[in-house]
């Protein structure tokens, strides 16, 4: 490999972080000073062998791009959907990736000769979002992921708060409408049935590559069903923000995930819903919830950055966490 130390590298120590999604893998290299010195994106494979290859090949592609040696990698952190045992690095039931049970840390670590740490993707993104808000100090923060499903990660004083059984932040399956749509978890009216991309696409029931964008576009044209679904999305996301603030008393809720590609079309709707919901409640108005949300910018490296930080933050033993 190249002998010159790349710009931005204080020494040869590199932490690699990967965010493995259903269609793409985002990977970056982090210097010892915390600077992102390289970033690549590649298509995600399907199946357990392919996921292991995604990790290994991403690290090797970064080596070529940045110019570091394999021995310079001090840790590899992986954010991945599914049920994750962070102690043993085992991933279970990552159905969109074709993974039923995968000892990812062991298998990838054997090929890379570096320690590999695995974290739930939303929890990793929460760490990354908190790190990107370094100007905010160590204030408490929640990261609300609006994607195919809905989940959140809570960061307090720079560390993930998991709760007693690892389910802190699982707001998607809190029922807010007992007469609402049936959720995949068996309850009715869960937050995820209102603002999860998968549930909205099923309720919309029309073909299209970007169903949520189609809903917003149709709502702009006055389509009755689309107007209702767009309102549901804002109402559900607003409910998730309220739950996170009222239960964990976080100062800020950062909203990320695939639906944030809608930009302020989404953000404005959530703020409007929060204001409307607080209209009859002096208590809610006093919380200024509409001022306490932030939208993660499109293309943000938060998820991969958080994964890179995972290696230095996972304690010796953790409980399994859901995504």
Protein backbone atom coordinates (compact mmCIF):
# COMPACT_ATOMS: atom_id res chain seq x y z
CA UNK A 1 0.00 0.00 0.00
CA UNK A 2 0.98 3.65 -0.23
CA UNK A 3 3.74 4.61 2.20
CA UNK A 4 2.78 8.27 2.61
CA UNK A 5 0.40 9.10 5.44
CA UNK A 6 -2.82 10.40 3.84
CA UNK A 7 -3.94 13.93 4.58
CA UNK A 8 -6.03 14.01 7.75
CA UNK A 9 -4.35 11.00 9.36
CA UNK A 10 -2.62 11.93 12.61
CA UNK A 11 -1.11 8.48 12.77
CA UNK A 12 -1.85 5.18 11.07
CA UNK A 13 -4.78 4.24 13.33
CA UNK A 14 -8.06 3.87 11.42
CA UNK A 15 -11.54 2.98 12.61
CA UNK A 16 -13.90 1.79 9.90
CA UNK A 17 -17.66 2.13 10.10
CA UNK A 18 -20.26 0.49 7.86
CA UNK A 19 -23.99 1.04 7.59
CA UNK A 20 -25.45 -2.01 5.83
CA UNK A 21 -28.86 -1.29 4.36
CA UNK A 22 -31.23 -3.33 2.26
CA UNK A 23 -29.87 -1.95 -1.02
CA UNK A 24 -26.60 -0.13 -0.27
CA UNK A 25 -23.69 -0.17 2.13
CA UNK A 26 -22.19 3.13 3.26
CA UNK A 27 -18.66 2.82 4.63
CA UNK A 28 -16.17 5.35 5.97
CA UNK A 29 -12.73 5.55 7.51
CA UNK A 30 -12.21 7.60 10.65
CA UNK A 31 -8.85 8.91 11.79
CA UNK A 32 -7.72 8.89 15.40
CA UNK A 33 -8.65 12.58 15.62
CA UNK A 34 -12.20 11.81 14.51
CA UNK A 35 -11.91 13.11 10.95
CA UNK A 36 -13.63 11.24 8.11
CA UNK A 37 -10.74 10.56 5.70
CA UNK A 38 -12.54 8.32 3.21
CA UNK A 39 -16.04 7.20 2.28
CA UNK A 40 -17.44 4.73 -0.25
CA UNK A 41 -20.85 3.36 -1.15
CA UNK A 42 -21.52 0.01 -2.74
CA UNK A 43 -24.48 -2.22 -3.46
CA UNK A 44 -25.46 -4.56 -0.63
CA UNK A 45 -25.53 -8.27 -1.37
CA UNK A 46 -28.24 -10.70 -0.29
CA UNK A 47 -27.64 -13.66 1.99
CA UNK A 48 -25.29 -14.37 4.88
CA UNK A 49 -22.14 -14.95 2.79
CA UNK A 50 -22.82 -11.77 0.81
CA UNK A 51 -23.19 -9.68 3.98
CA UNK A 52 -19.83 -10.95 5.26
CA UNK A 53 -18.30 -10.07 1.88
CA UNK A 54 -19.85 -6.61 2.08
CA UNK A 55 -17.98 -5.93 5.29
CA UNK A 56 -14.65 -7.35 4.12
CA UNK A 57 -14.74 -5.82 0.64
CA UNK A 58 -15.79 -2.40 1.95
CA UNK A 59 -12.81 -2.29 4.29
CA UNK A 60 -10.48 -3.29 1.47
CA UNK A 61 -11.95 -0.69 -0.90
CA UNK A 62 -11.39 1.97 1.73
CA UNK A 63 -7.78 0.82 2.09
CA UNK A 64 -7.23 1.45 -1.61
CA UNK A 65 -9.04 4.80 -1.61
CA UNK A 66 -7.40 6.24 1.51
CA UNK A 67 -4.05 4.48 1.35
CA UNK A 68 -3.73 2.75 4.70
CA UNK A 69 -2.49 -0.76 5.48
CA UNK A 70 -4.62 -3.57 6.84
CA UNK A 71 -2.62 -3.43 10.06
CA UNK A 72 -3.68 0.19 10.58
CA UNK A 73 -7.32 -0.82 11.19
CA UNK A 74 -7.92 -0.77 14.93
CA UNK A 75 -11.62 -1.67 14.73
CA UNK A 76 -14.47 -2.23 12.31
CA UNK A 77 -17.97 -1.29 13.41
CA UNK A 78 -21.05 -2.49 11.56
CA UNK A 79 -24.55 -1.08 11.82
CA UNK A 80 -27.10 -3.57 10.52
CA UNK A 81 -30.87 -4.07 10.79
CA UNK A 82 -32.32 -6.97 12.70
CA UNK A 83 -31.87 -8.39 16.19
CA UNK A 84 -28.28 -7.84 17.26
CA UNK A 85 -26.35 -9.41 20.13
CA UNK A 86 -23.68 -6.76 20.58
CA UNK A 87 -21.62 -8.93 22.92
CA UNK A 88 -21.10 -11.80 20.48
CA UNK A 89 -21.60 -9.88 17.22
CA UNK A 90 -24.45 -12.12 16.07
CA UNK A 91 -27.21 -10.87 13.79
CA UNK A 92 -30.63 -12.53 13.79
CA UNK A 93 -33.67 -12.10 11.54
CA UNK A 94 -32.35 -9.38 9.23
CA UNK A 95 -34.98 -10.48 6.72
CA UNK A 96 -34.34 -7.79 4.10
CA UNK A 97 -30.74 -9.00 3.88
CA UNK A 98 -31.56 -12.69 3.78
CA UNK A 99 -29.96 -13.25 7.19
CA UNK A 100 -31.48 -15.66 9.70
CA UNK A 101 -28.52 -16.18 12.04
CA UNK A 102 -25.06 -14.82 11.28
CA UNK A 103 -21.95 -14.64 13.48
CA UNK A 104 -20.90 -11.52 11.62
CA UNK A 105 -18.20 -10.29 14.00
CA UNK A 106 -16.42 -13.65 14.02
CA UNK A 107 -16.63 -14.37 10.30
CA UNK A 108 -15.64 -10.90 9.12
CA UNK A 109 -13.00 -10.54 11.83
CA UNK A 110 -11.26 -13.74 10.73
CA UNK A 111 -10.76 -12.33 7.24
CA UNK A 112 -9.82 -8.82 8.29
CA UNK A 113 -7.56 -9.71 11.23
CA UNK A 114 -9.17 -6.82 13.12
CA UNK A 115 -11.82 -6.69 15.83
CA UNK A 116 -15.34 -6.34 14.41
CA UNK A 117 -18.20 -4.93 16.48
CA UNK A 118 -21.85 -5.14 15.46
CA UNK A 119 -24.67 -2.81 16.46
CA UNK A 120 -28.28 -2.34 15.46
CA UNK A 121 -28.36 0.18 12.60
CA UNK A 122 -30.68 2.68 14.30
CA UNK A 123 -28.66 2.62 17.52
CA UNK A 124 -25.46 3.20 15.52
CA UNK A 125 -27.08 6.08 13.64
CA UNK A 126 -28.09 7.63 16.96
CA UNK A 127 -24.45 7.65 18.08
CA UNK A 128 -23.40 9.18 14.78
CA UNK A 129 -26.09 11.86 14.86
CA UNK A 130 -25.00 12.80 18.38
CA UNK A 131 -21.35 13.00 17.31
CA UNK A 132 -22.24 15.28 14.40
CA UNK A 133 -23.91 17.63 16.89
CA UNK A 134 -20.67 18.15 18.79
CA UNK A 135 -21.45 21.86 19.14
CA UNK A 136 -24.40 20.86 21.33
CA UNK A 137 -22.12 19.28 23.92
CA UNK A 138 -23.45 16.26 25.79
CA UNK A 139 -27.12 17.18 25.80
CA UNK A 140 -29.60 14.32 25.68
CA UNK A 141 -30.80 13.44 22.21
CA UNK A 142 -33.04 10.93 20.46
CA UNK A 143 -32.62 9.78 16.88
CA UNK A 144 -35.96 8.91 15.27
CA UNK A 145 -35.60 6.72 12.20
CA UNK A 146 -38.48 6.97 9.75
CA UNK A 147 -37.94 4.31 7.13
CA UNK A 148 -39.75 1.12 6.19
CA UNK A 149 -40.34 0.81 9.92
CA UNK A 150 -40.03 3.22 12.84
CA UNK A 151 -37.52 3.02 15.67
CA UNK A 152 -35.35 5.32 17.74
CA UNK A 153 -32.09 5.42 19.61
CA UNK A 154 -31.51 7.53 22.71
CA UNK A 155 -28.12 9.08 23.54
CA UNK A 156 -27.48 10.56 26.97
CA UNK A 157 -24.12 12.13 27.85
CA UNK A 158 -22.65 10.71 24.67
CA UNK A 159 -23.65 7.10 25.37
CA UNK A 160 -26.52 4.95 24.17
CA UNK A 161 -29.28 4.41 26.69
CA UNK A 162 -30.71 0.93 26.14
CA UNK A 163 -32.96 0.44 29.14
CA UNK A 164 -33.09 -2.72 31.25
CA UNK A 165 -33.75 -5.10 28.32
CA UNK A 166 -32.41 -3.16 25.39
CA UNK A 167 -35.73 -1.86 24.09
CA UNK A 168 -35.41 1.83 24.99
CA UNK A 169 -36.50 3.86 21.98
CA UNK A 170 -38.73 1.20 20.41
CA UNK A 171 -41.46 3.75 19.78
CA UNK A 172 -42.76 2.18 16.57
CA UNK A 173 -44.87 -0.36 18.43
CA UNK A 174 -46.55 1.99 20.87
CA UNK A 175 -50.26 1.99 20.08
CA UNK A 176 -51.79 5.46 19.77
CA UNK A 177 -55.07 4.46 18.10
CA UNK A 178 -56.80 1.28 19.32
CA UNK A 179 -59.12 1.44 16.31
CA UNK A 180 -56.33 1.99 13.80
CA UNK A 181 -54.73 -0.25 11.19
CA UNK A 182 -53.41 -3.66 12.28
CA UNK A 183 -49.66 -3.65 12.83
CA UNK A 184 -47.26 -6.47 11.99
CA UNK A 185 -46.71 -6.84 15.74
CA UNK A 186 -50.39 -7.77 16.24
CA UNK A 187 -51.55 -4.55 17.86
CA UNK A 188 -53.76 -1.91 16.29
CA UNK A 189 -52.83 1.69 15.63
CA UNK A 190 -49.12 1.49 16.40
CA UNK A 191 -47.07 4.55 15.54
CA UNK A 192 -45.43 2.50 12.79
CA UNK A 193 -48.80 1.95 11.07
CA UNK A 194 -49.14 5.72 10.76
CA UNK A 195 -45.65 6.83 9.71
CA UNK A 196 -43.74 3.70 8.68
CA UNK A 197 -42.95 3.65 4.95
CA UNK A 198 -43.97 0.02 4.57
CA UNK A 199 -47.36 0.48 6.24
CA UNK A 200 -48.08 3.64 4.25
CA UNK A 201 -47.14 1.96 0.97
CA UNK A 202 -49.52 -0.92 1.74
CA UNK A 203 -52.32 1.48 2.65
CA UNK A 204 -51.71 3.44 -0.57
CA UNK A 205 -51.84 0.21 -2.57
CA UNK A 206 -50.67 1.67 -5.88
CA UNK A 207 -47.57 0.66 -7.85
CA UNK A 208 -44.59 2.96 -7.89
CA UNK A 209 -40.89 3.00 -7.07
CA UNK A 210 -41.29 5.78 -4.47
CA UNK A 211 -44.75 5.32 -2.92
CA UNK A 212 -44.31 7.88 -0.12
CA UNK A 213 -43.25 10.56 -2.58
CA UNK A 214 -46.21 9.55 -4.73
CA UNK A 215 -48.50 10.03 -1.73
CA UNK A 216 -47.14 13.53 -1.11
CA UNK A 217 -47.40 14.47 -4.79
CA UNK A 218 -50.97 13.18 -4.99
CA UNK A 219 -51.86 15.03 -1.81
CA UNK A 220 -50.56 18.23 -3.36
CA UNK A 221 -53.06 17.60 -6.17
CA UNK A 222 -55.91 17.15 -3.68
CA UNK A 223 -56.25 13.34 -3.74
CA UNK A 224 -58.43 12.45 -0.73
CA UNK A 225 -56.68 9.18 0.17
CA UNK A 226 -53.26 10.76 -0.21
CA UNK A 227 -54.23 13.70 1.99
CA UNK A 228 -55.33 11.28 4.70
CA UNK A 229 -52.14 9.23 4.50
CA UNK A 230 -49.91 12.31 4.50
CA UNK A 231 -51.74 13.54 7.59
CA UNK A 232 -51.29 10.10 9.20
CA UNK A 233 -47.54 10.28 8.58
CA UNK A 234 -47.25 13.68 10.25
CA UNK A 235 -49.52 12.59 13.11
CA UNK A 236 -47.57 9.39 13.73
CA UNK A 237 -44.17 11.07 13.63
CA UNK A 238 -45.44 13.79 15.96
CA UNK A 239 -46.65 11.10 18.36
CA UNK A 240 -43.18 9.49 18.29
CA UNK A 241 -41.56 12.83 19.10
CA UNK A 242 -43.92 13.37 22.03
CA UNK A 243 -43.26 9.88 23.38
CA UNK A 244 -39.49 10.36 23.20
CA UNK A 245 -39.54 13.75 24.89
CA UNK A 246 -42.12 12.88 27.54
CA UNK A 247 -40.57 9.50 28.44
CA UNK A 248 -36.84 10.24 28.21
CA UNK A 249 -36.90 14.05 28.47
CA UNK A 250 -34.46 14.42 25.59
CA UNK A 251 -33.63 17.95 24.55
CA UNK A 252 -33.62 17.27 20.81
CA UNK A 253 -35.13 14.70 18.45
CA UNK A 254 -33.11 14.27 15.25
CA UNK A 255 -35.20 12.73 12.47
CA UNK A 256 -33.47 10.52 9.93
CA UNK A 257 -34.17 7.48 7.77
CA UNK A 258 -35.30 7.01 4.20
CA UNK A 259 -38.39 9.21 4.48
CA UNK A 260 -36.22 12.27 5.15
CA UNK A 261 -35.50 12.32 1.41
CA UNK A 262 -38.75 14.31 1.37
CA UNK A 263 -36.89 17.12 3.14
CA UNK A 264 -38.93 19.94 4.61
CA UNK A 265 -42.08 18.57 3.02
CA UNK A 266 -41.84 16.03 5.81
CA UNK A 267 -40.37 18.30 8.47
CA UNK A 268 -42.96 21.03 8.02
CA UNK A 269 -45.78 18.50 8.30
CA UNK A 270 -44.42 17.10 11.56
CA UNK A 271 -43.98 20.58 13.06
CA UNK A 272 -47.50 21.54 12.02
CA UNK A 273 -48.90 18.39 13.65
CA UNK A 274 -46.98 19.06 16.87
CA UNK A 275 -48.33 22.62 17.02
CA UNK A 276 -51.89 21.46 16.31
CA UNK A 277 -51.73 18.72 18.95
CA UNK A 278 -50.50 21.24 21.55
CA UNK A 279 -53.17 23.83 20.76
CA UNK A 280 -55.47 22.68 23.56
CA UNK A 281 -52.76 21.82 26.08
CA UNK A 282 -50.80 24.52 27.94
CA UNK A 283 -48.52 21.73 29.17
CA UNK A 284 -47.58 20.58 25.64
CA UNK A 285 -47.22 24.18 24.46
CA UNK A 286 -44.73 24.79 27.26
CA UNK A 287 -42.50 22.02 25.85
CA UNK A 288 -42.08 23.73 22.44
CA UNK A 289 -41.83 20.34 20.74
CA UNK A 290 -41.94 21.84 17.25
CA UNK A 291 -38.70 23.69 18.04
CA UNK A 292 -36.94 20.61 19.35
CA UNK A 293 -36.84 18.54 16.17
CA UNK A 294 -34.11 18.57 13.54
CA UNK A 295 -34.01 16.86 10.16
CA UNK A 296 -30.87 14.90 9.32
CA UNK A 297 -29.56 16.23 5.99
CA UNK A 298 -29.79 13.96 2.95
CA UNK A 299 -26.59 11.99 2.46
CA UNK A 300 -25.50 12.42 6.08
CA UNK A 301 -22.78 9.98 7.19
CA UNK A 302 -24.41 9.61 10.63
CA UNK A 303 -25.11 5.87 10.42
CA UNK A 304 -21.66 4.84 9.20
CA UNK A 305 -19.99 7.33 11.56
CA UNK A 306 -21.88 5.88 14.50
CA UNK A 307 -20.82 2.40 13.45
CA UNK A 308 -17.18 3.52 13.43
CA UNK A 309 -17.63 4.77 16.99
CA UNK A 310 -19.22 1.52 18.14
CA UNK A 311 -15.92 -0.30 18.66
CA UNK A 312 -14.84 2.15 21.33
CA UNK A 313 -18.24 2.37 23.02
CA UNK A 314 -19.69 -1.15 23.35
CA UNK A 315 -19.07 -2.34 26.91
CA UNK A 316 -17.74 -5.80 27.60
CA UNK A 317 -21.23 -7.24 27.72
CA UNK A 318 -24.50 -5.96 26.27
CA UNK A 319 -28.00 -7.27 25.93
CA UNK A 320 -29.55 -7.98 22.55
CA UNK A 321 -31.45 -5.10 20.99
CA UNK A 322 -34.19 -4.96 18.38
CA UNK A 323 -34.35 -2.84 15.27
